[in-house]
Amino acid sequence: MYDSIIIGMGPAGISCATYLKRYGLNVLVIGKDLGALELAKEIENFYGMGKISGHDLALKGIKEAMSLGINICHDEVINIDYLANGFNILTKKNNYDAKTIVLATGKVRNGFTLAKNFEGKGVSYCATCDGFFYRKKEIAIIGYNSYMLHELNVLLPLVKKITVFTNNNELEVELPANVEVVKDKITSFKGNDMLEQIICGDKTYNVEGCFIALGSQNAFTLAKHLGLDIKNNNLVVNDNYMTNIPGIFACGDVIGGMLQVAKAVSDGAICANNLNNYIRELKK
């Protein structure tokens, strides 16, 4: 079991991992890409670096972390479950156990804009959390890849029927034969007090609920799964960078504030210091 798993390999996540490693903790970094930093064509306000592309700066940080012996895993997190003494992180390729988690996945994004008015009114982001409420009902799930398939498998034993909406994305996984697939782009959601219909162009599909599993897990959907507090589209943390769930920390753009590399690196360092203290208390 790792002392900590950091989800996200941007400057906040890598900074956090670097400090945790120097504290002597066993850490793993999981990330599917370099995050928003990769899109920055040129950065010229980061201390000591002069002009450098976001891509190159990100790779420099990762290379430095690897030189310290930090494990960097290029993978996609699909689900996180609670353990008696920590957490289990399921990825597309593997699964891992850790005493603590750091969410450094970048800015919290809206799950699915069209569904926003029906969140809590027939739209959910967590099959494990809310699947029971839709037992024996006909529901939809929006997604197209391994993340969607994980949520689908949780829901199948509970519901009467599931229709998969890929929202104009190509299906990347094999589905059970009894699952209908709609590949058209979703144009609107309709209903009165609760979601009742999903509209794709001139076609209308009647549903009694909908689960969003579009794209990949991000801070927003992970937070929904884990029961973390969200305010103003940011994860809420205390002065120690810990969320409302003991053992789950967050840092960087995901907690808001100044969206700059310097701030993300600082967050990572301070978060690591507080997490180290938390781990030491656990070991007493």
C-alpha atoms as a PDB file:
ATOM      1  CA  MET A   1       0.000   0.000   0.000  1.00  0.00           C
ATOM      2  CA  TYR A   2       1.315   3.414  -0.974  1.00  0.00           C
ATOM      3  CA  ASP A   3       1.509   6.165   1.609  1.00  0.00           C
ATOM      4  CA  SER A   4      -0.049   8.447  -0.973  1.00  0.00           C
ATOM      5  CA  ILE A   5      -1.239   8.393  -4.566  1.00  0.00           C
ATOM      6  CA  ILE A   6      -1.298  11.699  -6.406  1.00  0.00           C
ATOM      7  CA  ILE A   7      -3.804  11.919  -9.234  1.00  0.00           C
ATOM      8  CA  GLY A   8      -2.557  14.428 -11.783  1.00  0.00           C
ATOM      9  CA  MET A   9       0.929  15.018 -13.177  1.00  0.00           C
ATOM     10  CA  GLY A  10       0.815  18.768 -13.583  1.00  0.00           C
ATOM     11  CA  PRO A  11       2.987  21.128 -11.493  1.00  0.00           C
ATOM     12  CA  ALA A  12       0.862  20.760  -8.333  1.00  0.00           C
ATOM     13  CA  GLY A  13       0.886  16.970  -8.416  1.00  0.00           C
ATOM     14  CA  ILE A  14       4.559  16.632  -9.291  1.00  0.00           C
ATOM     15  CA  SER A  15       5.592  19.231  -6.704  1.00  0.00           C
ATOM     16  CA  CYS A  16       3.593  17.387  -4.053  1.00  0.00           C
ATOM     17  CA  ALA A  17       5.109  14.030  -5.024  1.00  0.00           C
ATOM     18  CA  THR A  18       8.635  15.454  -4.971  1.00  0.00           C
ATOM     19  CA  TYR A  19       8.280  16.762  -1.419  1.00  0.00           C
ATOM     20  CA  LEU A  20       6.573  13.591  -0.198  1.00  0.00           C
ATOM     21  CA  LYS A  21       9.422  11.526  -1.612  1.00  0.00           C
ATOM     22  CA  ARG A  22      11.969  13.720   0.167  1.00  0.00           C
ATOM     23  CA  TYR A  23      10.011  13.114   3.378  1.00  0.00           C
ATOM     24  CA  GLY A  24      10.655   9.417   2.848  1.00  0.00           C
ATOM     25  CA  LEU A  25       7.124   8.431   1.873  1.00  0.00           C
ATOM     26  CA  ASN A  26       6.185   5.840  -0.737  1.00  0.00           C
ATOM     27  CA  VAL A  27       4.263   7.679  -3.453  1.00  0.00           C
ATOM     28  CA  LEU A  28       2.794   7.081  -6.888  1.00  0.00           C
ATOM     29  CA  VAL A  29       1.694   9.674  -9.453  1.00  0.00           C
ATOM     30  CA  ILE A  30      -1.079   8.748 -11.891  1.00  0.00           C
ATOM     31  CA  GLY A  31      -2.023  10.952 -14.820  1.00  0.00           C
ATOM     32  CA  LYS A  32      -3.362  10.512 -18.323  1.00  0.00           C
ATOM     33  CA  ASP A  33      -1.789  13.685 -19.742  1.00  0.00           C
ATOM     34  CA  LEU A  34       0.121  16.829 -18.826  1.00  0.00           C
ATOM     35  CA  GLY A  35      -3.043  18.813 -18.152  1.00  0.00           C
ATOM     36  CA  ALA A  36      -3.639  22.463 -19.026  1.00  0.00           C
ATOM     37  CA  LEU A  37       0.080  23.273 -18.865  1.00  0.00           C
ATOM     38  CA  GLU A  38       0.644  21.288 -22.050  1.00  0.00           C
ATOM     39  CA  LEU A  39      -1.531  23.787 -23.934  1.00  0.00           C
ATOM     40  CA  ALA A  40       0.555  26.802 -22.906  1.00  0.00           C
ATOM     41  CA  LYS A  41       2.614  27.782 -25.938  1.00  0.00           C
ATOM     42  CA  GLU A  42       5.030  29.969 -23.995  1.00  0.00           C
ATOM     43  CA  ILE A  43       5.624  30.741 -20.316  1.00  0.00           C
ATOM     44  CA  GLU A  44       7.949  33.557 -19.312  1.00  0.00           C
ATOM     45  CA  ASN A  45       6.986  34.334 -15.720  1.00  0.00           C
ATOM     46  CA  PHE A  46       8.093  31.195 -13.887  1.00  0.00           C
ATOM     47  CA  TYR A  47      11.081  31.793 -11.646  1.00  0.00           C
ATOM     48  CA  GLY A  48      14.446  31.010 -13.204  1.00  0.00           C
ATOM     49  CA  MET A  49      13.170  29.415 -16.417  1.00  0.00           C
ATOM     50  CA  GLY A  50      13.126  32.320 -18.870  1.00  0.00           C
ATOM     51  CA  LYS A  51      10.919  31.548 -21.847  1.00  0.00           C
ATOM     52  CA  ILE A  52       9.752  27.941 -22.036  1.00  0.00           C
ATOM     53  CA  SER A  53       6.756  26.106 -23.447  1.00  0.00           C
ATOM     54  CA  GLY A  54       4.257  24.596 -21.041  1.00  0.00           C
ATOM     55  CA  HIS A  55       4.946  21.164 -22.503  1.00  0.00           C
ATOM     56  CA  ASP A  56       8.693  21.421 -21.875  1.00  0.00           C
ATOM     57  CA  LEU A  57       8.220  22.795 -18.361  1.00  0.00           C
ATOM     58  CA  ALA A  58       5.876  19.936 -17.496  1.00  0.00           C
ATOM     59  CA  LEU A  59       8.337  17.351 -18.805  1.00  0.00           C
ATOM     60  CA  LYS A  60      11.189  18.919 -16.831  1.00  0.00           C
ATOM     61  CA  GLY A  61       9.187  18.509 -13.644  1.00  0.00           C
ATOM     62  CA  ILE A  62       8.312  14.901 -14.409  1.00  0.00           C
ATOM     63  CA  LYS A  63      11.921  14.080 -15.296  1.00  0.00           C
ATOM     64  CA  GLU A  64      13.101  15.560 -12.001  1.00  0.00           C
ATOM     65  CA  ALA A  65      10.530  13.501 -10.089  1.00  0.00           C
ATOM     66  CA  MET A  66      11.598  10.330 -11.847  1.00  0.00           C
ATOM     67  CA  SER A  67      15.232  11.033 -11.015  1.00  0.00           C
ATOM     68  CA  LEU A  68      14.245  10.845  -7.351  1.00  0.00           C
ATOM     69  CA  GLY A  69      12.748   7.405  -7.880  1.00  0.00           C
ATOM     70  CA  ILE A  70       9.120   8.520  -7.939  1.00  0.00           C
ATOM     71  CA  ASN A  71       6.855   6.164  -9.860  1.00  0.00           C
ATOM     72  CA  ILE A  72       4.985   7.970 -12.647  1.00  0.00           C
ATOM     73  CA  CYS A  73       2.096   6.030 -14.145  1.00  0.00           C
ATOM     74  CA  HIS A  74       0.572   7.192 -17.437  1.00  0.00           C
ATOM     75  CA  ASP A  75      -2.918   5.859 -16.930  1.00  0.00           C
ATOM     76  CA  GLU A  76      -6.516   6.949 -16.442  1.00  0.00           C
ATOM     77  CA  VAL A  77      -8.296   6.736 -13.101  1.00  0.00           C
ATOM     78  CA  ILE A  78     -11.729   5.167 -13.504  1.00  0.00           C
ATOM     79  CA  ASN A  79     -12.918   4.821  -9.922  1.00  0.00           C
ATOM     80  CA  ILE A  80     -11.942   5.304  -6.274  1.00  0.00           C
ATOM     81  CA  ASP A  81     -13.365   3.197  -3.450  1.00  0.00           C
ATOM     82  CA  TYR A  82     -12.967   3.448   0.301  1.00  0.00           C
ATOM     83  CA  LEU A  83     -10.999   0.821   2.225  1.00  0.00           C
ATOM     84  CA  ALA A  84     -10.939   0.277   5.978  1.00  0.00           C
ATOM     85  CA  ASN A  85      -7.467   1.808   6.131  1.00  0.00           C
ATOM     86  CA  GLY A  86      -7.329   3.928   2.999  1.00  0.00           C
ATOM     87  CA  PHE A  87      -8.464   3.927  -0.611  1.00  0.00           C
ATOM     88  CA  ASN A  88      -8.459   1.736  -3.711  1.00  0.00           C
ATOM     89  CA  ILE A  89      -7.776   3.455  -7.035  1.00  0.00           C
ATOM     90  CA  LEU A  90      -8.935   1.620 -10.144  1.00  0.00           C
ATOM     91  CA  THR A  91      -7.326   2.610 -13.449  1.00  0.00           C
ATOM     92  CA  LYS A  92      -7.714   1.354 -17.003  1.00  0.00           C
ATOM     93  CA  LYS A  93      -4.619  -0.828 -16.583  1.00  0.00           C
ATOM     94  CA  ASN A  94      -4.405  -1.683 -12.895  1.00  0.00           C
ATOM     95  CA  ASN A  95      -5.570  -0.904  -9.377  1.00  0.00           C
ATOM     96  CA  TYR A  96      -3.682   0.412  -6.369  1.00  0.00           C
ATOM     97  CA  ASP A  97      -4.177   0.904  -2.645  1.00  0.00           C
ATOM     98  CA  ALA A  98      -3.092   3.995  -0.726  1.00  0.00           C
ATOM     99  CA  LYS A  99      -3.411   5.449   2.761  1.00  0.00           C
ATOM    100  CA  THR A 100      -4.061   8.915   1.322  1.00  0.00           C
ATOM    101  CA  ILE A 101      -4.975  10.544  -1.976  1.00  0.00           C
ATOM    102  CA  VAL A 102      -4.059  13.905  -3.453  1.00  0.00           C
ATOM    103  CA  LEU A 103      -6.332  15.285  -6.170  1.00  0.00           C
ATOM    104  CA  ALA A 104      -4.257  17.519  -8.421  1.00  0.00           C
ATOM    105  CA  THR A 105      -6.244  17.001 -11.595  1.00  0.00           C
ATOM    106  CA  GLY A 106      -6.497  20.610 -12.688  1.00  0.00           C
ATOM    107  CA  LYS A 107      -9.499  22.893 -12.770  1.00  0.00           C
ATOM    108  CA  VAL A 108     -12.819  21.298 -11.874  1.00  0.00           C
ATOM    109  CA  ARG A 109     -14.909  21.096 -15.037  1.00  0.00           C
ATOM    110  CA  ASN A 110     -18.661  20.951 -15.371  1.00  0.00           C
ATOM    111  CA  GLY A 111     -19.817  17.400 -15.862  1.00  0.00           C
ATOM    112  CA  PHE A 112     -22.181  18.007 -18.786  1.00  0.00           C
ATOM    113  CA  THR A 113     -23.622  21.449 -19.406  1.00  0.00           C
ATOM    114  CA  LEU A 114     -26.899  20.313 -20.979  1.00  0.00           C
ATOM    115  CA  ALA A 115     -27.686  18.225 -17.895  1.00  0.00           C
ATOM    116  CA  LYS A 116     -26.952  20.921 -15.326  1.00  0.00           C
ATOM    117  CA  ASN A 117     -30.587  21.912 -14.673  1.00  0.00           C
ATOM    118  CA  PHE A 118     -31.474  18.298 -13.889  1.00  0.00           C
ATOM    119  CA  GLU A 119     -28.610  17.482 -11.510  1.00  0.00           C
ATOM    120  CA  GLY A 120     -30.266  15.821  -8.514  1.00  0.00           C
ATOM    121  CA  LYS A 121     -33.488  15.648 -10.521  1.00  0.00           C
ATOM    122  CA  GLY A 122     -32.780  12.531 -12.532  1.00  0.00           C
ATOM    123  CA  VAL A 123     -29.174  13.236 -13.491  1.00  0.00           C
ATOM    124  CA  SER A 124     -26.340  11.677 -11.488  1.00  0.00           C
ATOM    125  CA  TYR A 125     -22.566  11.400 -11.763  1.00  0.00           C
ATOM    126  CA  CYS A 126     -22.038   8.363  -9.524  1.00  0.00           C
ATOM    127  CA  ALA A 127     -23.435   4.893 -10.253  1.00  0.00           C
ATOM    128  CA  THR A 128     -22.179   3.515  -6.943  1.00  0.00           C
ATOM    129  CA  CYS A 129     -23.741   6.389  -4.982  1.00  0.00           C
ATOM    130  CA  ASP A 130     -27.096   6.703  -6.727  1.00  0.00           C
ATOM    131  CA  GLY A 131     -27.715   3.512  -8.692  1.00  0.00           C
ATOM    132  CA  PHE A 132     -30.030   2.094  -6.030  1.00  0.00           C
ATOM    133  CA  PHE A 133     -32.488   4.953  -6.539  1.00  0.00           C
ATOM    134  CA  TYR A 134     -33.032   3.878 -10.153  1.00  0.00           C
ATOM    135  CA  ARG A 135     -33.671   0.184  -9.576  1.00  0.00           C
ATOM    136  CA  LYS A 136     -36.089  -1.356 -12.099  1.00  0.00           C
ATOM    137  CA  LYS A 137     -36.204   1.874 -14.098  1.00  0.00           C
ATOM    138  CA  GLU A 138     -35.271   2.654 -17.711  1.00  0.00           C
ATOM    139  CA  ILE A 139     -32.250   4.926 -17.684  1.00  0.00           C
ATOM    140  CA  ALA A 140     -29.555   6.417 -19.870  1.00  0.00           C
ATOM    141  CA  ILE A 141     -25.811   6.592 -19.440  1.00  0.00           C
ATOM    142  CA  ILE A 142     -23.716   9.070 -21.410  1.00  0.00           C
ATOM    143  CA  GLY A 143     -20.219   7.925 -22.302  1.00  0.00           C
ATOM    144  CA  TYR A 144     -18.162   5.846 -24.681  1.00  0.00           C
ATOM    145  CA  ASN A 145     -15.075   4.368 -22.973  1.00  0.00           C
ATOM    146  CA  SER A 146     -13.777   2.362 -20.003  1.00  0.00           C
ATOM    147  CA  TYR A 147     -15.061   4.882 -17.486  1.00  0.00           C
ATOM    148  CA  MET A 148     -18.582   4.528 -18.906  1.00  0.00           C
ATOM    149  CA  LEU A 149     -18.306   0.730 -18.948  1.00  0.00           C
ATOM    150  CA  HIS A 150     -17.387   0.682 -15.265  1.00  0.00           C
ATOM    151  CA  GLU A 151     -20.478   2.726 -14.386  1.00  0.00           C
ATOM    152  CA  LEU A 152     -22.626   0.596 -16.715  1.00  0.00           C
ATOM    153  CA  ASN A 153     -21.566  -2.622 -14.985  1.00  0.00           C
ATOM    154  CA  VAL A 154     -22.514  -1.153 -11.607  1.00  0.00           C
ATOM    155  CA  LEU A 155     -25.975  -0.221 -12.900  1.00  0.00           C
ATOM    156  CA  LEU A 156     -26.882  -3.304 -14.965  1.00  0.00           C
ATOM    157  CA  PRO A 157     -27.963  -5.521 -12.039  1.00  0.00           C
ATOM    158  CA  LEU A 158     -30.176  -2.739 -10.668  1.00  0.00           C
ATOM    159  CA  VAL A 159     -32.101  -1.210 -13.542  1.00  0.00           C
ATOM    160  CA  LYS A 160     -34.690  -2.458 -16.014  1.00  0.00           C
ATOM    161  CA  LYS A 161     -33.006  -1.056 -19.120  1.00  0.00           C
ATOM    162  CA  ILE A 162     -29.968   1.034 -20.013  1.00  0.00           C
ATOM    163  CA  THR A 163     -29.442   3.011 -23.202  1.00  0.00           C
ATOM    164  CA  VAL A 164     -25.914   4.249 -23.879  1.00  0.00           C
ATOM    165  CA  PHE A 165     -25.594   7.684 -25.501  1.00  0.00           C
ATOM    166  CA  THR A 166     -22.099   8.286 -26.904  1.00  0.00           C
ATOM    167  CA  ASN A 167     -22.879  11.927 -27.793  1.00  0.00           C
ATOM    168  CA  ASN A 168     -21.255  11.679 -31.225  1.00  0.00           C
ATOM    169  CA  ASN A 169     -18.175   9.824 -29.916  1.00  0.00           C
ATOM    170  CA  GLU A 170     -17.049   6.449 -31.232  1.00  0.00           C
ATOM    171  CA  LEU A 171     -17.682   3.589 -28.810  1.00  0.00           C
ATOM    172  CA  GLU A 172     -14.341   2.303 -27.479  1.00  0.00           C
ATOM    173  CA  VAL A 173     -15.553  -0.703 -25.484  1.00  0.00           C
ATOM    174  CA  GLU A 174     -17.641  -3.807 -26.079  1.00  0.00           C
ATOM    175  CA  LEU A 175     -21.087  -3.731 -24.501  1.00  0.00           C
ATOM    176  CA  PRO A 176     -23.517  -6.497 -23.537  1.00  0.00           C
ATOM    177  CA  ALA A 177     -25.853  -7.464 -26.376  1.00  0.00           C
ATOM    178  CA  ASN A 178     -28.946  -6.192 -24.566  1.00  0.00           C
ATOM    179  CA  VAL A 179     -27.657  -2.606 -24.262  1.00  0.00           C
ATOM    180  CA  GLU A 180     -28.934  -0.180 -26.894  1.00  0.00           C
ATOM    181  CA  VAL A 181     -26.483   2.418 -28.221  1.00  0.00           C
ATOM    182  CA  VAL A 182     -27.374   5.881 -29.549  1.00  0.00           C
ATOM    183  CA  LYS A 183     -24.438   7.595 -31.247  1.00  0.00           C
ATOM    184  CA  ASP A 184     -26.161  10.869 -32.216  1.00  0.00           C
ATOM    185  CA  LYS A 185     -25.217  14.148 -30.546  1.00  0.00           C
ATOM    186  CA  ILE A 186     -27.438  15.122 -27.630  1.00  0.00           C
ATOM    187  CA  THR A 187     -29.134  18.477 -28.203  1.00  0.00           C
ATOM    188  CA  SER A 188     -31.246  18.904 -25.059  1.00  0.00           C
ATOM    189  CA  PHE A 189     -32.706  17.432 -21.882  1.00  0.00           C
ATOM    190  CA  LYS A 190     -36.397  17.871 -21.092  1.00  0.00           C
ATOM    191  CA  GLY A 191     -38.673  17.320 -18.133  1.00  0.00           C
ATOM    192  CA  ASN A 192     -40.784  19.076 -15.555  1.00  0.00           C
ATOM    193  CA  ASP A 193     -39.685  18.465 -11.969  1.00  0.00           C
ATOM    194  CA  MET A 194     -37.558  15.482 -13.070  1.00  0.00           C
ATOM    195  CA  LEU A 195     -35.694  14.487 -16.237  1.00  0.00           C
ATOM    196  CA  GLU A 196     -38.067  12.771 -18.654  1.00  0.00           C
ATOM    197  CA  GLN A 197     -36.518  12.937 -22.114  1.00  0.00           C
ATOM    198  CA  ILE A 198     -33.187  13.124 -23.918  1.00  0.00           C
ATOM    199  CA  ILE A 199     -33.337  14.792 -27.336  1.00  0.00           C
ATOM    200  CA  CYS A 200     -30.928  13.951 -30.159  1.00  0.00           C
ATOM    201  CA  GLY A 201     -31.804  16.117 -33.150  1.00  0.00           C
ATOM    202  CA  ASP A 202     -35.342  15.135 -34.201  1.00  0.00           C
ATOM    203  CA  LYS A 203     -35.374  11.976 -32.066  1.00  0.00           C
ATOM    204  CA  THR A 204     -36.766  11.824 -28.523  1.00  0.00           C
ATOM    205  CA  TYR A 205     -35.877   9.146 -25.968  1.00  0.00           C
ATOM    206  CA  ASN A 206     -37.952   8.689 -22.818  1.00  0.00           C
ATOM    207  CA  VAL A 207     -35.832   8.017 -19.720  1.00  0.00           C
ATOM    208  CA  GLU A 208     -36.347   7.849 -15.960  1.00  0.00           C
ATOM    209  CA  GLY A 209     -32.803   8.865 -15.112  1.00  0.00           C
ATOM    210  CA  CYS A 210     -29.391   9.542 -16.598  1.00  0.00           C
ATOM    211  CA  PHE A 211     -25.818   8.935 -15.454  1.00  0.00           C
ATOM    212  CA  ILE A 212     -23.001  11.086 -16.843  1.00  0.00           C
ATOM    213  CA  ALA A 213     -19.812   9.162 -17.590  1.00  0.00           C
ATOM    214  CA  LEU A 214     -18.615  11.144 -20.576  1.00  0.00           C
ATOM    215  CA  GLY A 215     -14.890  11.311 -21.333  1.00  0.00           C
ATOM    216  CA  SER A 216     -12.747  10.491 -18.327  1.00  0.00           C
ATOM    217  CA  GLN A 217     -12.883  10.931 -14.594  1.00  0.00           C
ATOM    218  CA  ASN A 218     -11.975  14.450 -13.539  1.00  0.00           C
ATOM    219  CA  ALA A 219     -12.004  16.272 -10.240  1.00  0.00           C
ATOM    220  CA  PHE A 220     -15.703  17.047 -10.551  1.00  0.00           C
ATOM    221  CA  THR A 221     -16.841  13.456 -11.092  1.00  0.00           C
ATOM    222  CA  LEU A 222     -14.356  12.037  -8.583  1.00  0.00           C
ATOM    223  CA  ALA A 223     -15.630  14.524  -6.023  1.00  0.00           C
ATOM    224  CA  LYS A 224     -19.209  13.435  -6.703  1.00  0.00           C
ATOM    225  CA  HIS A 225     -18.237   9.794  -6.190  1.00  0.00           C
ATOM    226  CA  LEU A 226     -16.343  10.450  -2.981  1.00  0.00           C
ATOM    227  CA  GLY A 227     -18.750  12.908  -1.397  1.00  0.00           C
ATOM    228  CA  LEU A 228     -16.310  15.818  -1.435  1.00  0.00           C
ATOM    229  CA  ASP A 229     -17.501  19.378  -0.951  1.00  0.00           C
ATOM    230  CA  ILE A 230     -17.547  21.596  -4.047  1.00  0.00           C
ATOM    231  CA  LYS A 231     -18.066  25.352  -3.961  1.00  0.00           C
ATOM    232  CA  ASN A 232     -17.947  27.751  -6.901  1.00  0.00           C
ATOM    233  CA  ASN A 233     -16.673  24.923  -9.111  1.00  0.00           C
ATOM    234  CA  ASN A 234     -13.675  24.279  -6.823  1.00  0.00           C
ATOM    235  CA  LEU A 235     -12.893  21.498  -4.376  1.00  0.00           C
ATOM    236  CA  VAL A 236     -13.153  22.787  -0.817  1.00  0.00           C
ATOM    237  CA  VAL A 237     -10.112  22.217   1.407  1.00  0.00           C
ATOM    238  CA  ASN A 238      -9.109  23.388   4.881  1.00  0.00           C
ATOM    239  CA  ASP A 239      -5.891  25.165   5.825  1.00  0.00           C
ATOM    240  CA  ASN A 240      -4.060  21.829   5.627  1.00  0.00           C
ATOM    241  CA  TYR A 241      -5.250  21.249   2.047  1.00  0.00           C
ATOM    242  CA  MET A 242      -7.420  18.350   3.203  1.00  0.00           C
ATOM    243  CA  THR A 243     -10.964  17.973   1.904  1.00  0.00           C
ATOM    244  CA  ASN A 244     -13.966  17.184   4.088  1.00  0.00           C
ATOM    245  CA  ILE A 245     -12.996  13.482   3.833  1.00  0.00           C
ATOM    246  CA  PRO A 246     -10.008  12.559   6.067  1.00  0.00           C
ATOM    247  CA  GLY A 247      -7.093  11.310   3.999  1.00  0.00           C
ATOM    248  CA  ILE A 248      -8.147  13.015   0.763  1.00  0.00           C
ATOM    249  CA  PHE A 249      -6.137  16.138  -0.037  1.00  0.00           C
ATOM    250  CA  ALA A 250      -6.290  18.496  -3.027  1.00  0.00           C
ATOM    251  CA  CYS A 251      -4.005  21.167  -4.458  1.00  0.00           C
ATOM    252  CA  GLY A 252      -3.417  23.296  -7.536  1.00  0.00           C
ATOM    253  CA  ASP A 253      -6.017  24.719  -9.916  1.00  0.00           C
ATOM    254  CA  VAL A 254      -8.601  22.237  -8.627  1.00  0.00           C
ATOM    255  CA  ILE A 255      -8.987  24.230  -5.393  1.00  0.00           C
ATOM    256  CA  GLY A 256      -9.230  27.588  -7.175  1.00  0.00           C
ATOM    257  CA  GLY A 257      -7.319  30.797  -6.594  1.00  0.00           C
ATOM    258  CA  MET A 258      -4.702  32.206  -8.941  1.00  0.00           C
ATOM    259  CA  LEU A 259      -4.417  29.791 -11.871  1.00  0.00           C
ATOM    260  CA  GLN A 260      -0.644  30.060 -12.260  1.00  0.00           C
ATOM    261  CA  VAL A 261       2.193  27.526 -12.265  1.00  0.00           C
ATOM    262  CA  ALA A 262       3.886  29.277  -9.340  1.00  0.00           C
ATOM    263  CA  LYS A 263       0.768  28.911  -7.201  1.00  0.00           C
ATOM    264  CA  ALA A 264       0.317  25.263  -8.222  1.00  0.00           C
ATOM    265  CA  VAL A 265       3.904  24.412  -7.262  1.00  0.00           C
ATOM    266  CA  SER A 266       3.482  26.175  -3.929  1.00  0.00           C
ATOM    267  CA  ASP A 267       0.215  24.340  -3.280  1.00  0.00           C
ATOM    268  CA  GLY A 268       1.926  21.034  -3.950  1.00  0.00           C
ATOM    269  CA  ALA A 269       4.740  21.738  -1.504  1.00  0.00           C
ATOM    270  CA  ILE A 270       2.454  22.922   1.306  1.00  0.00           C
ATOM    271  CA  CYS A 271       0.015  20.077   0.718  1.00  0.00           C
ATOM    272  CA  ALA A 272       2.890  17.579   0.941  1.00  0.00           C
ATOM    273  CA  ASN A 273       4.076  19.023   4.241  1.00  0.00           C
ATOM    274  CA  ASN A 274       0.605  18.713   5.768  1.00  0.00           C
ATOM    275  CA  LEU A 275       0.045  15.258   4.312  1.00  0.00           C
ATOM    276  CA  ASN A 276       3.368  14.101   5.744  1.00  0.00           C
ATOM    277  CA  ASN A 277       2.246  15.239   9.188  1.00  0.00           C
ATOM    278  CA  TYR A 278      -1.049  13.395   8.698  1.00  0.00           C
ATOM    279  CA  ILE A 279       0.752  10.158   7.736  1.00  0.00           C
ATOM    280  CA  ARG A 280       3.095  10.428  10.733  1.00  0.00           C
ATOM    281  CA  GLU A 281       0.079  10.688  13.019  1.00  0.00           C
ATOM    282  CA  LEU A 282      -1.443   7.591  11.407  1.00  0.00           C
ATOM    283  CA  LYS A 283       1.730   5.630  12.091  1.00  0.00           C
ATOM    284  CA  LYS A 284       1.846   6.477  15.802  1.00  0.00           C
END
